[in-house]
Amino acid sequence: MWEAAGMQLVVTEEQRELRDALRRFFADRSPSAEVRRLMETAEGHDPGVWAQMAGQLGLQGLAIGEEHGGAGFGVRELAVVFEEMGRAVVCAPFLATITAAAALEAGEGGHDLLAGIADGSTIATLAVAEEDGRWDLGAVGATFEDGVLRGTKDFVLDGHVADLVLVAAKGADGVGLYAVEDVAGLVRTVLPTLDQTRKLARIEFDGVPARRVGGEGAILRALDVAAVALAAEQLGGAQKTLDMTVEYAKVRHQFGRPIGSFQAIKHRCADMFVLVESARSAVLNAAAAADESPEELPAAAALAKAYCSDAFFHTAGEAIQLHGGIGFTWEHDAHLYFKRAQGSRQLFGAPERHRERLAVLAGLTDAAEAP
């Protein structure tokens, strides 16, 4: 779908066709009125649309190997999906499930669980962070001993509806990845969130049976893929806030002129455009690294997540400001994007944490000195 041209990536016709098909699908299945309805429900998504995403579009299995029931594409294709989801603020457990699938594919066990993810029958999630909200493996406190898990995980994406929970826990061989396939014994609590379009949960494990499916490498690979996917989603949200702001500037008149004709508005829209296009470059680079240069993925993912987090947060804030009084009302969709931008900044690590990681990977800071 994508072709390398020197140090650049060229968008192909196939990618544009995929983007167009997804945009039509989400415009029909995820208009803002539906987003507002779903964010008030306990589940936080529409099971019928989830089934359509798998059955009609094959999205859940897009990047899963063909031998496991998927389509065998890569993170570059997933980035197209996430960008379009970000534009529509889609309410679905897709990011959680894709992150779990990446962990399973990178692990040495649990490949039998991928078929259920690919066909849409399994909602999966990865549980790493605990009460302190840290996503690095050095902060893992949950334990695995004698075949059972003990501990608590916080900020688990769609953990309240997941059929499969993959848990980072300390075992005899250090931190590993453990699959909880019978979720009936879990104590799950939905957490209050600023971004109501994305559900987070606390999950308590008190002697819950599990099996080991991978080591630290599988978890780190999954977190890097998740960072790239979330960066692509943030790119889509940033592009949408830019588009809605430019359109408003064309039709809103003051002093007998469109406000977009005023120099101050032009400059702010131009700054938003630069942020969006720079974010796009970061996502393209990170997605390509995930598929072609795994050794470059940690740095590329950290850069993309840090930059896109800031870009989306800024453009969403500018959208509210430049829409004037209407932008500050809950009835306007700008608030959906602003709250998604704020929530996404913290998910999988705040921008400053990713910049610290990037500095370590670049040799600018010693790992022991990083906070």
Protein backbone atom coordinates (compact mmCIF):
# COMPACT_ATOMS: atom_id res chain seq x y z
CA MET A 1 0.00 0.00 0.00
CA TRP A 2 2.89 2.34 0.70
CA GLU A 3 6.03 2.74 -1.35
CA ALA A 4 9.40 4.02 -0.23
CA ALA A 5 10.83 6.86 -2.29
CA GLY A 6 14.27 7.64 -0.91
CA MET A 7 13.73 8.79 2.65
CA GLN A 8 10.04 9.56 2.05
CA LEU A 9 6.86 7.50 1.94
CA VAL A 10 4.53 8.04 -0.97
CA VAL A 11 0.79 7.65 -0.47
CA THR A 12 -0.54 5.16 -3.00
CA GLU A 13 -3.92 4.91 -4.67
CA GLU A 14 -4.72 1.81 -2.60
CA GLN A 15 -4.22 3.73 0.61
CA ARG A 16 -6.49 6.51 -0.57
CA GLU A 17 -9.18 3.99 -1.49
CA LEU A 18 -8.97 2.37 1.94
CA ARG A 19 -9.18 5.77 3.62
CA ASP A 20 -12.20 6.74 1.54
CA ALA A 21 -14.02 3.50 2.34
CA LEU A 22 -13.33 3.88 6.05
CA ARG A 23 -14.40 7.53 6.03
CA ARG A 24 -17.75 6.60 4.49
CA PHE A 25 -18.24 3.76 6.96
CA PHE A 26 -17.50 5.84 10.05
CA ALA A 27 -19.48 8.81 8.77
CA ASP A 28 -22.48 6.48 8.59
CA ARG A 29 -21.85 4.43 11.77
CA SER A 30 -20.18 7.03 14.00
CA PRO A 31 -21.75 10.49 13.53
CA SER A 32 -21.37 12.80 16.52
CA ALA A 33 -24.92 12.06 17.70
CA GLU A 34 -24.07 8.36 17.90
CA VAL A 35 -20.78 9.10 19.66
CA ARG A 36 -22.66 11.10 22.29
CA ARG A 37 -25.15 8.27 22.74
CA LEU A 38 -22.56 5.53 23.08
CA MET A 39 -20.39 7.41 25.56
CA GLU A 40 -23.33 7.42 27.97
CA THR A 41 -23.83 3.64 27.79
CA ALA A 42 -22.23 1.12 30.14
CA GLU A 43 -20.54 -0.81 27.31
CA GLY A 44 -19.25 2.27 25.51
CA HIS A 45 -19.61 0.78 22.03
CA ASP A 46 -22.14 -0.73 19.63
CA PRO A 47 -21.72 -4.56 19.35
CA GLY A 48 -23.46 -4.49 15.97
CA VAL A 49 -20.95 -2.03 14.52
CA TRP A 50 -18.11 -4.02 16.11
CA ALA A 51 -19.36 -7.11 14.25
CA GLN A 52 -19.56 -5.14 11.00
CA MET A 53 -16.01 -3.89 11.45
CA ALA A 54 -14.87 -7.52 11.57
CA GLY A 55 -17.28 -9.14 9.12
CA GLN A 56 -17.55 -6.49 6.42
CA LEU A 57 -14.22 -4.69 6.66
CA GLY A 58 -11.96 -7.22 8.41
CA LEU A 59 -10.44 -4.51 10.58
CA GLN A 60 -9.79 -6.57 13.71
CA GLY A 61 -7.74 -9.08 11.72
CA LEU A 62 -6.11 -6.60 9.36
CA ALA A 63 -2.62 -6.90 10.87
CA ILE A 64 -2.95 -10.49 12.17
CA GLY A 65 -1.09 -13.16 10.21
CA GLU A 66 -3.02 -15.23 7.69
CA GLU A 67 -2.06 -18.39 9.54
CA HIS A 68 -4.05 -17.07 12.51
CA GLY A 69 -7.13 -16.05 10.54
CA GLY A 70 -6.11 -12.48 9.72
CA ALA A 71 -5.35 -10.58 6.52
CA GLY A 72 -1.59 -10.40 7.05
CA PHE A 73 -1.12 -6.65 6.59
CA GLY A 74 0.95 -4.43 8.87
CA VAL A 75 1.03 -1.40 11.10
CA ARG A 76 1.06 0.93 8.09
CA GLU A 77 -2.41 -0.30 7.16
CA LEU A 78 -3.53 -0.04 10.78
CA ALA A 79 -2.37 3.58 10.83
CA VAL A 80 -4.87 4.39 8.07
CA VAL A 81 -7.65 2.81 10.13
CA PHE A 82 -6.72 4.64 13.31
CA GLU A 83 -6.43 7.98 11.55
CA GLU A 84 -9.99 7.64 10.27
CA MET A 85 -11.20 6.48 13.69
CA GLY A 86 -9.60 9.56 15.21
CA ARG A 87 -11.41 11.82 12.76
CA ALA A 88 -14.75 10.33 13.79
CA VAL A 89 -13.98 9.89 17.55
CA VAL A 90 -15.12 6.29 17.14
CA CYS A 91 -16.32 4.55 20.31
CA ALA A 92 -15.03 0.97 20.01
CA PRO A 93 -12.60 -1.34 21.86
CA PHE A 94 -10.38 -1.39 18.78
CA LEU A 95 -7.19 0.11 20.23
CA ALA A 96 -7.36 -2.24 23.21
CA THR A 97 -7.88 -5.30 21.01
CA ILE A 98 -5.20 -4.41 18.47
CA THR A 99 -2.69 -3.82 21.29
CA ALA A 100 -3.44 -7.24 22.74
CA ALA A 101 -3.13 -8.87 19.31
CA ALA A 102 0.30 -7.28 18.83
CA ALA A 103 1.41 -8.74 22.16
CA LEU A 104 0.18 -12.22 21.26
CA GLU A 105 1.85 -12.18 17.85
CA ALA A 106 5.14 -11.12 19.44
CA GLY A 107 4.91 -13.74 22.20
CA GLU A 108 5.88 -17.39 22.13
CA GLY A 109 2.45 -18.68 23.15
CA GLY A 110 -1.22 -17.85 22.93
CA HIS A 111 -1.35 -17.79 19.13
CA ASP A 112 -4.51 -19.88 19.35
CA LEU A 113 -6.23 -16.80 20.80
CA LEU A 114 -5.66 -14.70 17.68
CA ALA A 115 -8.41 -16.30 15.59
CA GLY A 116 -11.10 -15.03 17.96
CA ILE A 117 -9.66 -11.53 17.76
CA ALA A 118 -9.48 -11.66 13.97
CA ASP A 119 -13.12 -12.67 13.51
CA GLY A 120 -14.38 -10.10 16.02
CA SER A 121 -15.71 -12.60 18.54
CA THR A 122 -13.08 -11.68 21.16
CA ILE A 123 -12.55 -8.25 22.69
CA ALA A 124 -9.07 -8.24 24.18
CA THR A 125 -6.97 -5.82 26.19
CA LEU A 126 -3.49 -5.44 27.65
CA ALA A 127 -3.18 -4.59 31.36
CA VAL A 128 0.17 -3.00 32.29
CA ALA A 129 -0.22 0.19 34.34
CA GLU A 130 -1.08 0.13 38.02
CA GLU A 131 -2.09 2.75 40.57
CA ASP A 132 0.83 5.08 39.78
CA GLY A 133 -0.17 5.20 36.10
CA ARG A 134 3.27 4.21 34.82
CA TRP A 135 3.52 2.10 31.67
CA ASP A 136 7.15 1.00 32.04
CA LEU A 137 7.78 -2.57 33.13
CA GLY A 138 9.88 -1.51 36.10
CA ALA A 139 6.68 -0.34 37.79
CA VAL A 140 4.89 -3.71 37.50
CA GLY A 141 3.79 -5.00 40.90
CA ALA A 142 1.31 -7.75 39.99
CA THR A 143 2.63 -11.28 40.49
CA PHE A 144 2.19 -14.72 38.93
CA GLU A 145 2.84 -17.75 41.10
CA ASP A 146 1.53 -21.32 41.16
CA GLY A 147 -0.55 -20.69 38.05
CA VAL A 148 -2.49 -17.68 39.36
CA LEU A 149 -2.29 -13.90 39.21
CA ARG A 150 -2.48 -11.50 42.13
CA GLY A 151 -2.54 -7.73 42.05
CA THR A 152 -4.44 -4.80 40.59
CA LYS A 153 -4.23 -3.08 37.21
CA ASP A 154 -5.51 0.41 36.54
CA PHE A 155 -6.30 2.37 33.38
CA VAL A 156 -7.07 -0.82 31.45
CA LEU A 157 -8.53 0.08 28.06
CA ASP A 158 -12.04 -1.37 27.74
CA GLY A 159 -11.21 -3.72 30.59
CA HIS A 160 -14.85 -3.75 31.68
CA VAL A 161 -15.98 -5.57 28.50
CA ALA A 162 -12.86 -7.54 27.54
CA ASP A 163 -13.27 -11.29 26.95
CA LEU A 164 -9.50 -11.78 27.12
CA VAL A 165 -7.12 -9.89 29.41
CA LEU A 166 -3.35 -10.03 28.90
CA VAL A 167 -1.53 -9.07 32.08
CA ALA A 168 2.03 -7.88 32.69
CA ALA A 169 3.14 -9.55 35.94
CA LYS A 170 6.29 -10.64 37.75
CA GLY A 171 6.94 -14.36 37.64
CA ALA A 172 9.86 -16.67 38.29
CA ASP A 173 11.63 -15.43 35.14
CA GLY A 174 10.95 -11.73 35.64
CA VAL A 175 8.14 -9.73 34.07
CA GLY A 176 6.07 -11.75 31.65
CA LEU A 177 2.78 -11.68 29.77
CA TYR A 178 -0.05 -13.82 31.12
CA ALA A 179 -3.42 -14.53 29.49
CA VAL A 180 -6.63 -14.60 31.52
CA GLU A 181 -9.15 -16.40 29.33
CA ASP A 182 -11.88 -16.91 31.92
CA VAL A 183 -12.78 -13.39 33.02
CA ALA A 184 -15.65 -14.46 35.27
CA GLY A 185 -13.42 -14.30 38.35
CA LEU A 186 -12.20 -10.77 37.76
CA VAL A 187 -13.34 -7.80 39.82
CA ARG A 188 -13.76 -4.97 37.29
CA THR A 189 -14.59 -1.36 38.02
CA VAL A 190 -15.16 1.34 35.41
CA LEU A 191 -13.07 4.43 36.20
CA PRO A 192 -14.31 8.02 35.79
CA THR A 193 -12.60 9.65 32.80
CA LEU A 194 -12.42 13.12 31.29
CA ASP A 195 -12.78 11.55 27.84
CA GLN A 196 -16.11 9.76 28.09
CA THR A 197 -15.71 8.30 24.60
CA ARG A 198 -13.00 5.92 25.86
CA LYS A 199 -13.65 3.60 28.80
CA LEU A 200 -10.96 2.66 31.31
CA ALA A 201 -11.24 0.11 34.09
CA ARG A 202 -9.54 -1.13 37.24
CA ILE A 203 -9.15 -4.91 37.34
CA GLU A 204 -8.37 -6.88 40.52
CA PHE A 205 -6.71 -10.29 40.30
CA ASP A 206 -7.06 -12.38 43.44
CA GLY A 207 -5.80 -15.85 42.60
CA VAL A 208 -7.08 -15.74 39.00
CA PRO A 209 -5.85 -18.64 36.80
CA ALA A 210 -3.70 -17.60 33.83
CA ARG A 211 -1.11 -18.96 31.43
CA ARG A 212 2.16 -17.44 30.29
CA VAL A 213 2.12 -16.40 26.63
CA GLY A 214 5.16 -14.14 26.34
CA GLY A 215 8.00 -12.25 27.96
CA GLU A 216 9.09 -8.64 28.27
CA GLY A 217 9.78 -8.39 24.55
CA ALA A 218 6.16 -9.14 23.65
CA ILE A 219 4.91 -6.47 26.05
CA LEU A 220 7.35 -3.84 24.81
CA ARG A 221 6.50 -4.58 21.17
CA ALA A 222 2.79 -4.24 21.94
CA LEU A 223 3.28 -0.93 23.75
CA ASP A 224 5.28 0.45 20.83
CA VAL A 225 2.63 -0.63 18.32
CA ALA A 226 -0.03 0.88 20.59
CA ALA A 227 1.88 4.17 20.71
CA VAL A 228 2.04 4.30 16.91
CA ALA A 229 -1.65 3.42 16.59
CA LEU A 230 -2.64 6.07 19.11
CA ALA A 231 -0.42 8.63 17.38
CA ALA A 232 -2.25 7.88 14.12
CA GLU A 233 -5.58 8.35 15.89
CA GLN A 234 -4.35 11.65 17.31
CA LEU A 235 -3.33 12.70 13.80
CA GLY A 236 -6.86 12.02 12.58
CA GLY A 237 -8.33 14.06 15.40
CA ALA A 238 -5.92 16.92 14.77
CA GLN A 239 -6.77 16.93 11.08
CA LYS A 240 -10.48 17.01 11.85
CA THR A 241 -10.15 19.93 14.28
CA LEU A 242 -8.14 21.83 11.66
CA ASP A 243 -10.76 21.10 8.99
CA MET A 244 -13.70 22.19 11.14
CA THR A 245 -11.87 25.36 12.19
CA VAL A 246 -10.97 26.37 8.64
CA GLU A 247 -14.55 25.75 7.51
CA TYR A 248 -15.92 27.86 10.35
CA ALA A 249 -13.48 30.66 9.54
CA LYS A 250 -14.87 30.75 6.01
CA VAL A 251 -18.53 31.11 7.00
CA ARG A 252 -18.36 33.14 10.25
CA HIS A 253 -18.52 36.86 9.50
CA GLN A 254 -17.50 39.83 11.61
CA PHE A 255 -17.40 43.45 10.44
CA GLY A 256 -18.83 42.29 7.14
CA ARG A 257 -15.97 39.89 6.38
CA PRO A 258 -15.25 36.16 6.97
CA ILE A 259 -13.07 35.87 10.07
CA GLY A 260 -10.68 33.75 8.03
CA SER A 261 -9.70 36.88 6.13
CA PHE A 262 -8.15 38.39 9.26
CA GLN A 263 -4.39 37.95 9.51
CA ALA A 264 -4.42 36.76 13.11
CA ILE A 265 -6.84 33.92 12.26
CA LYS A 266 -4.85 33.00 9.16
CA HIS A 267 -1.66 32.68 11.18
CA ARG A 268 -3.25 30.48 13.83
CA CYS A 269 -4.78 28.20 11.20
CA ALA A 270 -1.42 28.03 9.43
CA ASP A 271 0.27 27.01 12.69
CA MET A 272 -2.33 24.27 13.12
CA PHE A 273 -1.63 23.05 9.58
CA VAL A 274 2.13 22.83 10.25
CA LEU A 275 1.48 20.77 13.39
CA VAL A 276 -0.82 18.38 11.54
CA GLU A 277 1.54 17.81 8.63
CA SER A 278 4.51 17.29 10.96
CA ALA A 279 2.44 14.81 12.95
CA ARG A 280 1.65 12.98 9.71
CA SER A 281 5.35 12.61 8.95
CA ALA A 282 6.00 11.22 12.44
CA VAL A 283 3.21 8.66 12.05
CA LEU A 284 4.36 7.56 8.58
CA ASN A 285 7.89 7.08 9.87
CA ALA A 286 6.82 5.13 12.96
CA ALA A 287 4.42 2.88 11.05
CA ALA A 288 7.11 2.08 8.48
CA ALA A 289 9.58 1.29 11.26
CA ALA A 290 7.08 -1.07 12.89
CA ASP A 291 6.80 -3.06 9.67
CA GLU A 292 10.28 -2.83 8.18
CA SER A 293 12.82 -1.80 10.85
CA PRO A 294 11.86 -3.18 14.28
CA GLU A 295 15.14 -2.00 15.76
CA GLU A 296 14.11 1.59 14.98
CA LEU A 297 10.57 1.21 16.29
CA PRO A 298 11.14 2.18 19.97
CA ALA A 299 12.59 5.59 19.05
CA ALA A 300 10.13 6.19 16.20
CA ALA A 301 7.16 5.25 18.38
CA ALA A 302 8.31 7.49 21.23
CA LEU A 303 8.78 10.42 18.86
CA ALA A 304 5.38 9.92 17.20
CA LYS A 305 3.47 9.55 20.46
CA ALA A 306 5.12 12.61 22.05
CA TYR A 307 4.69 14.87 19.03
CA CYS A 308 1.18 13.80 18.04
CA SER A 309 -0.03 14.12 21.64
CA ASP A 310 1.06 17.75 21.74
CA ALA A 311 -0.15 18.49 18.20
CA PHE A 312 -3.65 17.15 18.81
CA PHE A 313 -3.96 18.87 22.17
CA HIS A 314 -2.94 22.20 20.62
CA THR A 315 -5.19 21.97 17.56
CA ALA A 316 -8.16 20.87 19.67
CA GLY A 317 -7.64 23.83 21.98
CA GLU A 318 -7.32 26.21 19.04
CA ALA A 319 -10.53 24.81 17.56
CA ILE A 320 -12.43 25.78 20.69
CA GLN A 321 -10.84 29.23 20.82
CA LEU A 322 -11.36 30.05 17.15
CA HIS A 323 -14.99 28.94 17.19
CA GLY A 324 -15.64 31.68 19.72
CA GLY A 325 -18.59 31.41 22.10
CA ILE A 326 -20.15 28.37 20.40
CA GLY A 327 -16.88 26.48 20.81
CA PHE A 328 -17.16 26.67 24.58
CA THR A 329 -20.56 24.97 24.68
CA TRP A 330 -21.04 21.26 25.23
CA GLU A 331 -23.36 21.15 22.23
CA HIS A 332 -20.43 21.77 19.87
CA ASP A 333 -18.34 18.78 18.77
CA ALA A 334 -15.07 20.61 19.50
CA HIS A 335 -15.39 19.42 23.08
CA LEU A 336 -15.39 15.77 22.01
CA TYR A 337 -12.02 16.26 20.36
CA PHE A 338 -10.56 18.38 23.16
CA LYS A 339 -11.38 15.76 25.78
CA ARG A 340 -10.15 12.93 23.55
CA ALA A 341 -6.93 14.88 23.03
CA GLN A 342 -6.39 15.31 26.76
CA GLY A 343 -7.13 11.67 27.56
CA SER A 344 -4.92 10.39 24.76
CA ARG A 345 -1.98 12.48 25.98
CA GLN A 346 -1.78 10.37 29.15
CA LEU A 347 -2.55 6.96 27.63
CA PHE A 348 0.55 4.73 27.23
CA GLY A 349 2.62 7.48 28.82
CA ALA A 350 2.54 11.28 28.73
CA PRO A 351 4.60 13.13 26.09
CA GLU A 352 7.36 13.98 28.56
CA ARG A 353 7.85 10.30 29.37
CA HIS A 354 8.25 9.46 25.69
CA ARG A 355 10.69 12.33 25.22
CA GLU A 356 12.72 11.00 28.16
CA ARG A 357 12.71 7.56 26.54
CA LEU A 358 13.76 9.03 23.22
CA ALA A 359 16.65 10.82 24.90
CA VAL A 360 17.82 7.56 26.47
CA LEU A 361 17.55 5.69 23.16
CA ALA A 362 19.50 8.46 21.42
CA GLY A 363 22.24 8.27 24.03
CA LEU A 364 21.61 11.78 25.29
CA THR A 365 20.64 10.65 28.77
CA ASP A 366 21.67 7.68 30.86
CA ALA A 367 18.79 5.33 31.64
CA ALA A 368 19.63 5.48 35.34
CA GLU A 369 19.28 9.28 35.29
CA ALA A 370 15.85 9.30 33.61
CA PRO A 371 12.98 9.88 36.06
